[in-house]
Amino acid sequence: MGNYSSALSSYITALAIREEVLPPIHVDLAAFFNNIGVLYHSIVTSNDHIAAVHHDMNNCATAFFYYEETLPIRQASVLPTHPDLATSYHNIGWIYRNKKNYWEVLASYQKVLKIRLTSLFPAHPHLALFYDNIGDHRKVLDRYNQVLAIR
C-alpha cells in the first residue's frame, strides 16, 4: 500500500509552486488536480478493502474505523446522490447491524435508500437486493417482478 499522506503532501507542495508560475487555466494545473483526485480515490478504495477484510474477520471496530475514514472523502468528492456514497452508508449500516445498534442501522439505511431511489431506475436489481437486506420482502417481490417484466 502506498504512502498516501506523503504523496498528497508532495502533490500539494508541487501544486502550490506551479500555481505561482503558471496561468490559472494551464493544463499542468489540471493534471495536478486530476492526480490529487486519483490519489483520494485510491485512499478510499484501499480503506474500503481494508475495512471489508476486517469486517469478514468480524473485527467490527477496525472495519468501522476504515469505513468512517472513507465517508468524508466521498462526501467531498461526489454528488450527494452518487451510488458510491450509498455504498459507504450501506457498509457503515452493516457494522451497526453487527453491533445490534438498530437505530443507527435505520439511519444509515434510510440514507442508502434515498440515494438509490434517486440514482437507480425503479426496477434495478440493487433495489430488490437492498429491500431484501432490510427485510422488506413485499418490496423485494415488487422489484423482482419489475425486473422480470423488463427481461
N, C-alpha and C. Protein backbone atom coordinates (compact mmCIF):
# COMPACT_ATOMS: atom_id res chain seq x y z
N MET A 1 0.85 -1.17 0.00
CA MET A 1 0.00 0.00 0.00
C MET A 1 0.90 1.23 0.00
N GLY A 2 0.50 2.22 -0.76
CA GLY A 2 1.30 3.42 -0.91
C GLY A 2 1.27 4.30 0.33
N ASN A 3 2.21 5.22 0.36
CA ASN A 3 2.26 6.21 1.42
C ASN A 3 1.45 7.41 0.97
N TYR A 4 0.15 7.35 1.20
CA TYR A 4 -0.77 8.35 0.65
C TYR A 4 -0.56 9.74 1.23
N SER A 5 -0.30 9.83 2.52
CA SER A 5 -0.14 11.16 3.11
C SER A 5 1.09 11.86 2.56
N SER A 6 2.17 11.12 2.35
CA SER A 6 3.37 11.69 1.76
C SER A 6 3.12 12.11 0.31
N ALA A 7 2.42 11.27 -0.43
CA ALA A 7 2.10 11.61 -1.82
C ALA A 7 1.23 12.85 -1.89
N LEU A 8 0.23 12.93 -1.03
CA LEU A 8 -0.65 14.10 -1.02
C LEU A 8 0.12 15.36 -0.68
N SER A 9 0.98 15.27 0.32
CA SER A 9 1.81 16.42 0.70
C SER A 9 2.68 16.88 -0.46
N SER A 10 3.28 15.93 -1.15
CA SER A 10 4.13 16.27 -2.30
C SER A 10 3.32 16.92 -3.42
N TYR A 11 2.15 16.37 -3.71
CA TYR A 11 1.29 16.96 -4.74
C TYR A 11 0.90 18.39 -4.39
N ILE A 12 0.53 18.61 -3.15
CA ILE A 12 0.09 19.94 -2.73
C ILE A 12 1.24 20.93 -2.79
N THR A 13 2.42 20.52 -2.37
CA THR A 13 3.60 21.39 -2.46
C THR A 13 3.91 21.74 -3.91
N ALA A 14 3.94 20.73 -4.76
CA ALA A 14 4.22 20.96 -6.18
C ALA A 14 3.14 21.82 -6.82
N LEU A 15 1.90 21.59 -6.44
CA LEU A 15 0.80 22.38 -6.99
C LEU A 15 0.94 23.85 -6.61
N ALA A 16 1.29 24.11 -5.35
CA ALA A 16 1.47 25.50 -4.91
C ALA A 16 2.56 26.20 -5.71
N ILE A 17 3.64 25.51 -5.98
CA ILE A 17 4.74 26.09 -6.78
C ILE A 17 4.25 26.38 -8.19
N ARG A 18 3.59 25.43 -8.79
CA ARG A 18 3.10 25.62 -10.17
C ARG A 18 2.05 26.72 -10.24
N GLU A 19 1.21 26.84 -9.22
CA GLU A 19 0.20 27.90 -9.23
C GLU A 19 0.83 29.29 -9.20
N GLU A 20 2.03 29.39 -8.62
CA GLU A 20 2.73 30.68 -8.58
C GLU A 20 3.28 31.07 -9.95
N VAL A 21 3.66 30.09 -10.76
CA VAL A 21 4.37 30.40 -12.01
C VAL A 21 3.53 30.17 -13.27
N LEU A 22 2.42 29.50 -13.16
CA LEU A 22 1.61 29.19 -14.34
C LEU A 22 0.32 29.99 -14.33
N PRO A 23 -0.23 30.24 -15.50
CA PRO A 23 -1.54 30.90 -15.55
C PRO A 23 -2.61 29.97 -14.95
N PRO A 24 -3.70 30.54 -14.43
CA PRO A 24 -4.68 29.74 -13.70
C PRO A 24 -5.38 28.65 -14.52
N ILE A 25 -5.35 28.74 -15.85
CA ILE A 25 -6.02 27.71 -16.65
C ILE A 25 -5.03 26.83 -17.40
N HIS A 26 -3.82 26.74 -16.91
CA HIS A 26 -2.78 25.94 -17.56
C HIS A 26 -3.09 24.45 -17.41
N VAL A 27 -2.79 23.69 -18.46
CA VAL A 27 -3.08 22.26 -18.50
C VAL A 27 -2.32 21.49 -17.40
N ASP A 28 -1.15 21.94 -17.02
CA ASP A 28 -0.41 21.26 -15.95
C ASP A 28 -1.15 21.33 -14.61
N LEU A 29 -1.84 22.44 -14.36
CA LEU A 29 -2.61 22.55 -13.12
C LEU A 29 -3.77 21.56 -13.14
N ALA A 30 -4.41 21.43 -14.29
CA ALA A 30 -5.50 20.46 -14.41
C ALA A 30 -4.98 19.05 -14.13
N ALA A 31 -3.80 18.75 -14.64
CA ALA A 31 -3.22 17.42 -14.41
C ALA A 31 -2.95 17.19 -12.93
N PHE A 32 -2.47 18.21 -12.23
CA PHE A 32 -2.21 18.06 -10.79
C PHE A 32 -3.51 17.83 -10.03
N PHE A 33 -4.55 18.60 -10.36
CA PHE A 33 -5.83 18.39 -9.69
C PHE A 33 -6.38 17.00 -9.99
N ASN A 34 -6.22 16.55 -11.20
CA ASN A 34 -6.64 15.19 -11.56
C ASN A 34 -5.88 14.16 -10.73
N ASN A 35 -4.57 14.32 -10.62
CA ASN A 35 -3.75 13.36 -9.86
C ASN A 35 -4.13 13.34 -8.38
N ILE A 36 -4.45 14.50 -7.84
CA ILE A 36 -4.90 14.56 -6.45
C ILE A 36 -6.23 13.82 -6.30
N GLY A 37 -7.12 13.99 -7.28
CA GLY A 37 -8.38 13.26 -7.27
C GLY A 37 -8.18 11.76 -7.34
N VAL A 38 -7.25 11.33 -8.19
CA VAL A 38 -6.94 9.90 -8.31
C VAL A 38 -6.37 9.38 -6.99
N LEU A 39 -5.54 10.18 -6.35
CA LEU A 39 -4.97 9.78 -5.06
C LEU A 39 -6.08 9.58 -4.02
N TYR A 40 -7.01 10.54 -3.94
CA TYR A 40 -8.12 10.39 -3.00
C TYR A 40 -8.95 9.15 -3.32
N HIS A 41 -9.16 8.88 -4.59
CA HIS A 41 -9.89 7.67 -4.98
C HIS A 41 -9.14 6.42 -4.51
N SER A 42 -7.83 6.42 -4.64
CA SER A 42 -7.02 5.29 -4.18
C SER A 42 -7.12 5.11 -2.67
N ILE A 43 -7.14 6.22 -1.95
CA ILE A 43 -7.28 6.15 -0.49
C ILE A 43 -8.61 5.50 -0.12
N VAL A 44 -9.67 5.96 -0.75
CA VAL A 44 -11.00 5.41 -0.47
C VAL A 44 -11.06 3.92 -0.81
N THR A 45 -10.53 3.56 -1.96
CA THR A 45 -10.55 2.16 -2.38
C THR A 45 -9.76 1.28 -1.41
N SER A 46 -8.58 1.73 -1.01
CA SER A 46 -7.77 0.97 -0.06
C SER A 46 -8.48 0.83 1.28
N ASN A 47 -9.03 1.93 1.77
CA ASN A 47 -9.74 1.88 3.05
C ASN A 47 -10.94 0.94 2.98
N ASP A 48 -11.68 0.98 1.87
CA ASP A 48 -12.81 0.07 1.72
C ASP A 48 -12.36 -1.39 1.74
N HIS A 49 -11.27 -1.68 1.06
CA HIS A 49 -10.77 -3.07 1.02
C HIS A 49 -10.28 -3.52 2.39
N ILE A 50 -9.56 -2.65 3.07
CA ILE A 50 -9.09 -2.99 4.42
C ILE A 50 -10.28 -3.22 5.34
N ALA A 51 -11.26 -2.34 5.25
CA ALA A 51 -12.46 -2.47 6.09
C ALA A 51 -13.19 -3.78 5.80
N ALA A 52 -13.31 -4.13 4.53
CA ALA A 52 -14.01 -5.36 4.15
C ALA A 52 -13.31 -6.59 4.73
N VAL A 53 -11.99 -6.59 4.72
CA VAL A 53 -11.25 -7.71 5.30
C VAL A 53 -11.52 -7.80 6.79
N HIS A 54 -11.45 -6.67 7.48
CA HIS A 54 -11.72 -6.67 8.92
C HIS A 54 -13.17 -7.07 9.20
N HIS A 55 -14.07 -6.61 8.35
CA HIS A 55 -15.48 -6.97 8.52
C HIS A 55 -15.66 -8.48 8.37
N ASP A 56 -15.03 -9.07 7.37
CA ASP A 56 -15.11 -10.52 7.16
C ASP A 56 -14.50 -11.30 8.33
N MET A 57 -13.52 -10.69 8.99
CA MET A 57 -12.88 -11.33 10.15
C MET A 57 -13.65 -11.04 11.44
N ASN A 58 -14.81 -10.36 11.30
CA ASN A 58 -15.65 -9.97 12.42
C ASN A 58 -14.95 -9.01 13.38
N ASN A 59 -14.03 -8.24 12.85
CA ASN A 59 -13.36 -7.20 13.62
C ASN A 59 -14.06 -5.88 13.31
N CYS A 60 -15.24 -5.73 13.90
CA CYS A 60 -16.13 -4.62 13.54
C CYS A 60 -15.56 -3.25 13.87
N ALA A 61 -14.85 -3.12 14.98
CA ALA A 61 -14.33 -1.81 15.37
C ALA A 61 -13.33 -1.28 14.33
N THR A 62 -12.44 -2.14 13.87
CA THR A 62 -11.46 -1.72 12.88
C THR A 62 -12.13 -1.47 11.53
N ALA A 63 -13.06 -2.34 11.16
CA ALA A 63 -13.79 -2.14 9.90
C ALA A 63 -14.54 -0.81 9.93
N PHE A 64 -15.19 -0.53 11.05
CA PHE A 64 -15.93 0.72 11.20
C PHE A 64 -15.00 1.92 11.04
N PHE A 65 -13.83 1.85 11.65
CA PHE A 65 -12.85 2.93 11.54
C PHE A 65 -12.54 3.23 10.07
N TYR A 66 -12.24 2.20 9.30
CA TYR A 66 -11.88 2.41 7.90
C TYR A 66 -13.07 2.86 7.06
N TYR A 67 -14.25 2.31 7.33
CA TYR A 67 -15.44 2.79 6.60
C TYR A 67 -15.70 4.26 6.91
N GLU A 68 -15.52 4.64 8.16
CA GLU A 68 -15.71 6.04 8.54
C GLU A 68 -14.66 6.95 7.90
N GLU A 69 -13.46 6.44 7.70
CA GLU A 69 -12.41 7.22 7.04
C GLU A 69 -12.78 7.56 5.60
N THR A 70 -13.48 6.65 4.94
CA THR A 70 -13.82 6.88 3.53
C THR A 70 -14.97 7.87 3.36
N LEU A 71 -15.84 7.95 4.35
CA LEU A 71 -17.06 8.73 4.20
C LEU A 71 -16.82 10.21 3.90
N PRO A 72 -16.00 10.94 4.67
CA PRO A 72 -15.83 12.37 4.36
C PRO A 72 -15.17 12.61 3.00
N ILE A 73 -14.31 11.69 2.58
CA ILE A 73 -13.68 11.85 1.26
C ILE A 73 -14.75 11.71 0.18
N ARG A 74 -15.58 10.69 0.32
CA ARG A 74 -16.65 10.52 -0.67
C ARG A 74 -17.63 11.68 -0.63
N GLN A 75 -17.98 12.14 0.56
CA GLN A 75 -18.93 13.25 0.67
C GLN A 75 -18.39 14.50 -0.02
N ALA A 76 -17.08 14.69 0.03
CA ALA A 76 -16.47 15.87 -0.58
C ALA A 76 -16.22 15.71 -2.07
N SER A 77 -16.22 14.48 -2.56
CA SER A 77 -15.78 14.28 -3.94
C SER A 77 -16.85 13.81 -4.92
N VAL A 78 -18.02 13.44 -4.43
CA VAL A 78 -19.09 13.01 -5.33
C VAL A 78 -20.38 13.74 -4.99
N LEU A 79 -21.33 13.69 -5.90
CA LEU A 79 -22.64 14.29 -5.65
C LEU A 79 -23.35 13.55 -4.52
N PRO A 80 -24.24 14.24 -3.81
CA PRO A 80 -24.96 13.58 -2.70
C PRO A 80 -25.80 12.38 -3.12
N THR A 81 -26.07 12.24 -4.41
CA THR A 81 -26.87 11.10 -4.89
C THR A 81 -26.02 10.05 -5.60
N HIS A 82 -24.71 10.12 -5.44
CA HIS A 82 -23.82 9.17 -6.13
C HIS A 82 -23.90 7.79 -5.47
N PRO A 83 -23.97 6.72 -6.27
CA PRO A 83 -24.05 5.36 -5.71
C PRO A 83 -22.89 4.99 -4.78
N ASP A 84 -21.70 5.53 -5.00
CA ASP A 84 -20.57 5.22 -4.11
C ASP A 84 -20.84 5.72 -2.69
N LEU A 85 -21.53 6.83 -2.57
CA LEU A 85 -21.87 7.35 -1.24
C LEU A 85 -22.87 6.40 -0.56
N ALA A 86 -23.80 5.88 -1.34
CA ALA A 86 -24.74 4.89 -0.80
C ALA A 86 -23.99 3.66 -0.30
N THR A 87 -22.96 3.26 -1.03
CA THR A 87 -22.16 2.11 -0.61
C THR A 87 -21.50 2.37 0.74
N SER A 88 -20.97 3.57 0.93
CA SER A 88 -20.36 3.91 2.22
C SER A 88 -21.38 3.81 3.35
N TYR A 89 -22.56 4.41 3.14
CA TYR A 89 -23.60 4.35 4.17
C TYR A 89 -24.06 2.91 4.42
N HIS A 90 -24.12 2.13 3.36
CA HIS A 90 -24.53 0.73 3.50
C HIS A 90 -23.51 -0.05 4.32
N ASN A 91 -22.22 0.14 4.03
CA ASN A 91 -21.17 -0.56 4.77
C ASN A 91 -21.19 -0.18 6.24
N ILE A 92 -21.37 1.09 6.52
CA ILE A 92 -21.45 1.54 7.91
C ILE A 92 -22.69 0.94 8.58
N GLY A 93 -23.79 0.88 7.84
CA GLY A 93 -25.00 0.27 8.37
C GLY A 93 -24.81 -1.19 8.73
N TRP A 94 -24.04 -1.93 7.91
CA TRP A 94 -23.77 -3.34 8.21
C TRP A 94 -23.00 -3.48 9.52
N ILE A 95 -22.07 -2.58 9.76
CA ILE A 95 -21.33 -2.64 11.03
C ILE A 95 -22.28 -2.39 12.19
N TYR A 96 -23.13 -1.36 12.06
CA TYR A 96 -24.12 -1.10 13.12
C TYR A 96 -25.04 -2.31 13.32
N ARG A 97 -25.37 -2.98 12.23
CA ARG A 97 -26.23 -4.16 12.31
C ARG A 97 -25.52 -5.27 13.10
N ASN A 98 -24.25 -5.49 12.82
CA ASN A 98 -23.48 -6.49 13.57
C ASN A 98 -23.38 -6.15 15.05
N LYS A 99 -23.36 -4.85 15.35
CA LYS A 99 -23.26 -4.40 16.74
C LYS A 99 -24.64 -4.30 17.40
N LYS A 100 -25.69 -4.64 16.63
CA LYS A 100 -27.07 -4.60 17.11
C LYS A 100 -27.50 -3.19 17.53
N ASN A 101 -26.94 -2.20 16.86
CA ASN A 101 -27.32 -0.80 17.09
C ASN A 101 -28.34 -0.44 16.01
N TYR A 102 -29.58 -0.87 16.20
CA TYR A 102 -30.57 -0.83 15.13
C TYR A 102 -31.04 0.58 14.77
N TRP A 103 -30.99 1.51 15.69
CA TRP A 103 -31.36 2.89 15.33
C TRP A 103 -30.36 3.47 14.34
N GLU A 104 -29.09 3.17 14.54
CA GLU A 104 -28.07 3.65 13.60
C GLU A 104 -28.16 2.91 12.26
N VAL A 105 -28.52 1.62 12.32
CA VAL A 105 -28.74 0.86 11.08
C VAL A 105 -29.84 1.55 10.27
N LEU A 106 -30.93 1.87 10.94
CA LEU A 106 -32.05 2.51 10.27
C LEU A 106 -31.64 3.85 9.66
N ALA A 107 -30.89 4.65 10.41
CA ALA A 107 -30.44 5.95 9.89
C ALA A 107 -29.55 5.77 8.66
N SER A 108 -28.62 4.82 8.73
CA SER A 108 -27.73 4.57 7.59
C SER A 108 -28.51 4.07 6.38
N TYR A 109 -29.41 3.13 6.62
CA TYR A 109 -30.16 2.54 5.51
C TYR A 109 -31.14 3.52 4.89
N GLN A 110 -31.66 4.45 5.68
CA GLN A 110 -32.53 5.48 5.10
C GLN A 110 -31.74 6.35 4.12
N LYS A 111 -30.49 6.64 4.46
CA LYS A 111 -29.63 7.41 3.54
C LYS A 111 -29.36 6.61 2.27
N VAL A 112 -29.10 5.32 2.44
CA VAL A 112 -28.86 4.45 1.28
C VAL A 112 -30.09 4.45 0.37
N LEU A 113 -31.24 4.24 0.97
CA LEU A 113 -32.47 4.15 0.18
C LEU A 113 -32.76 5.45 -0.56
N LYS A 114 -32.57 6.57 0.12
CA LYS A 114 -32.80 7.87 -0.52
C LYS A 114 -31.92 8.04 -1.75
N ILE A 115 -30.65 7.69 -1.61
CA ILE A 115 -29.72 7.81 -2.74
C ILE A 115 -30.10 6.84 -3.86
N ARG A 116 -30.35 5.61 -3.50
CA ARG A 116 -30.63 4.60 -4.53
C ARG A 116 -31.95 4.86 -5.25
N LEU A 117 -32.93 5.39 -4.56
CA LEU A 117 -34.19 5.70 -5.22
C LEU A 117 -34.05 6.85 -6.22
N THR A 118 -33.08 7.73 -5.98
CA THR A 118 -32.87 8.84 -6.92
C THR A 118 -31.84 8.53 -8.00
N SER A 119 -30.96 7.57 -7.74
CA SER A 119 -29.88 7.33 -8.71
C SER A 119 -30.07 6.07 -9.55
N LEU A 120 -30.99 5.20 -9.17
CA LEU A 120 -31.22 3.96 -9.91
C LEU A 120 -32.64 3.96 -10.48
N PHE A 121 -32.82 3.25 -11.56
CA PHE A 121 -34.18 3.15 -12.11
C PHE A 121 -34.99 2.20 -11.21
N PRO A 122 -36.33 2.36 -11.20
CA PRO A 122 -37.16 1.64 -10.22
C PRO A 122 -37.03 0.12 -10.23
N ALA A 123 -36.71 -0.47 -11.36
CA ALA A 123 -36.61 -1.93 -11.42
C ALA A 123 -35.18 -2.43 -11.30
N HIS A 124 -34.29 -1.60 -10.80
CA HIS A 124 -32.88 -2.00 -10.69
C HIS A 124 -32.73 -3.13 -9.66
N PRO A 125 -31.97 -4.16 -10.00
CA PRO A 125 -31.79 -5.29 -9.07
C PRO A 125 -31.19 -4.89 -7.72
N HIS A 126 -30.39 -3.83 -7.68
CA HIS A 126 -29.81 -3.41 -6.40
C HIS A 126 -30.89 -2.97 -5.41
N LEU A 127 -31.98 -2.39 -5.94
CA LEU A 127 -33.07 -2.01 -5.04
C LEU A 127 -33.73 -3.25 -4.45
N ALA A 128 -33.94 -4.26 -5.26
CA ALA A 128 -34.53 -5.50 -4.75
C ALA A 128 -33.62 -6.12 -3.70
N LEU A 129 -32.32 -6.16 -3.97
CA LEU A 129 -31.37 -6.71 -3.01
C LEU A 129 -31.37 -5.90 -1.72
N PHE A 130 -31.44 -4.58 -1.84
CA PHE A 130 -31.45 -3.73 -0.65
C PHE A 130 -32.70 -3.99 0.19
N TYR A 131 -33.85 -4.05 -0.46
CA TYR A 131 -35.08 -4.34 0.30
C TYR A 131 -34.99 -5.71 0.97
N ASP A 132 -34.37 -6.66 0.31
CA ASP A 132 -34.17 -7.98 0.91
C ASP A 132 -33.28 -7.87 2.14
N ASN A 133 -32.21 -7.08 2.04
CA ASN A 133 -31.29 -6.91 3.17
C ASN A 133 -31.98 -6.29 4.37
N ILE A 134 -32.92 -5.38 4.12
CA ILE A 134 -33.58 -4.74 5.26
C ILE A 134 -34.84 -5.49 5.69
N GLY A 135 -35.14 -6.59 4.99
CA GLY A 135 -36.24 -7.44 5.41
C GLY A 135 -37.61 -7.00 4.92
N ASP A 136 -37.66 -6.11 3.94
CA ASP A 136 -38.95 -5.68 3.39
C ASP A 136 -39.28 -6.57 2.20
N HIS A 137 -39.80 -7.75 2.49
CA HIS A 137 -39.97 -8.78 1.47
C HIS A 137 -41.05 -8.45 0.45
N ARG A 138 -42.04 -7.65 0.85
CA ARG A 138 -43.06 -7.24 -0.11
C ARG A 138 -42.44 -6.41 -1.23
N LYS A 139 -41.56 -5.49 -0.85
CA LYS A 139 -40.90 -4.66 -1.86
C LYS A 139 -39.90 -5.48 -2.69
N VAL A 140 -39.31 -6.49 -2.07
CA VAL A 140 -38.41 -7.37 -2.83
C VAL A 140 -39.18 -8.01 -3.97
N LEU A 141 -40.35 -8.54 -3.67
CA LEU A 141 -41.15 -9.18 -4.71
C LEU A 141 -41.60 -8.18 -5.77
N ASP A 142 -41.97 -6.97 -5.34
CA ASP A 142 -42.36 -5.94 -6.31
C ASP A 142 -41.21 -5.64 -7.27
N ARG A 143 -40.02 -5.42 -6.74
CA ARG A 143 -38.85 -5.10 -7.57
C ARG A 143 -38.46 -6.29 -8.44
N TYR A 144 -38.55 -7.47 -7.88
CA TYR A 144 -38.21 -8.67 -8.65
C TYR A 144 -39.15 -8.81 -9.85
N ASN A 145 -40.43 -8.60 -9.62
CA ASN A 145 -41.40 -8.68 -10.72
C ASN A 145 -41.16 -7.59 -11.77
N GLN A 146 -40.73 -6.40 -11.33
CA GLN A 146 -40.41 -5.34 -12.28
C GLN A 146 -39.21 -5.74 -13.14
N VAL A 147 -38.21 -6.33 -12.52
CA VAL A 147 -37.03 -6.78 -13.27
C VAL A 147 -37.43 -7.85 -14.28
N LEU A 148 -38.26 -8.79 -13.87
CA LEU A 148 -38.70 -9.84 -14.78
C LEU A 148 -39.50 -9.27 -15.95
N ALA A 149 -40.29 -8.25 -15.69
CA ALA A 149 -41.09 -7.64 -16.75
C ALA A 149 -40.22 -6.98 -17.81
N ILE A 150 -39.06 -6.46 -17.40
CA ILE A 150 -38.14 -5.81 -18.34
C ILE A 150 -37.46 -6.85 -19.21
N ARG A 151 -37.08 -7.98 -18.63
CA ARG A 151 -36.36 -9.01 -19.37
C ARG A 151 -37.29 -9.67 -20.30
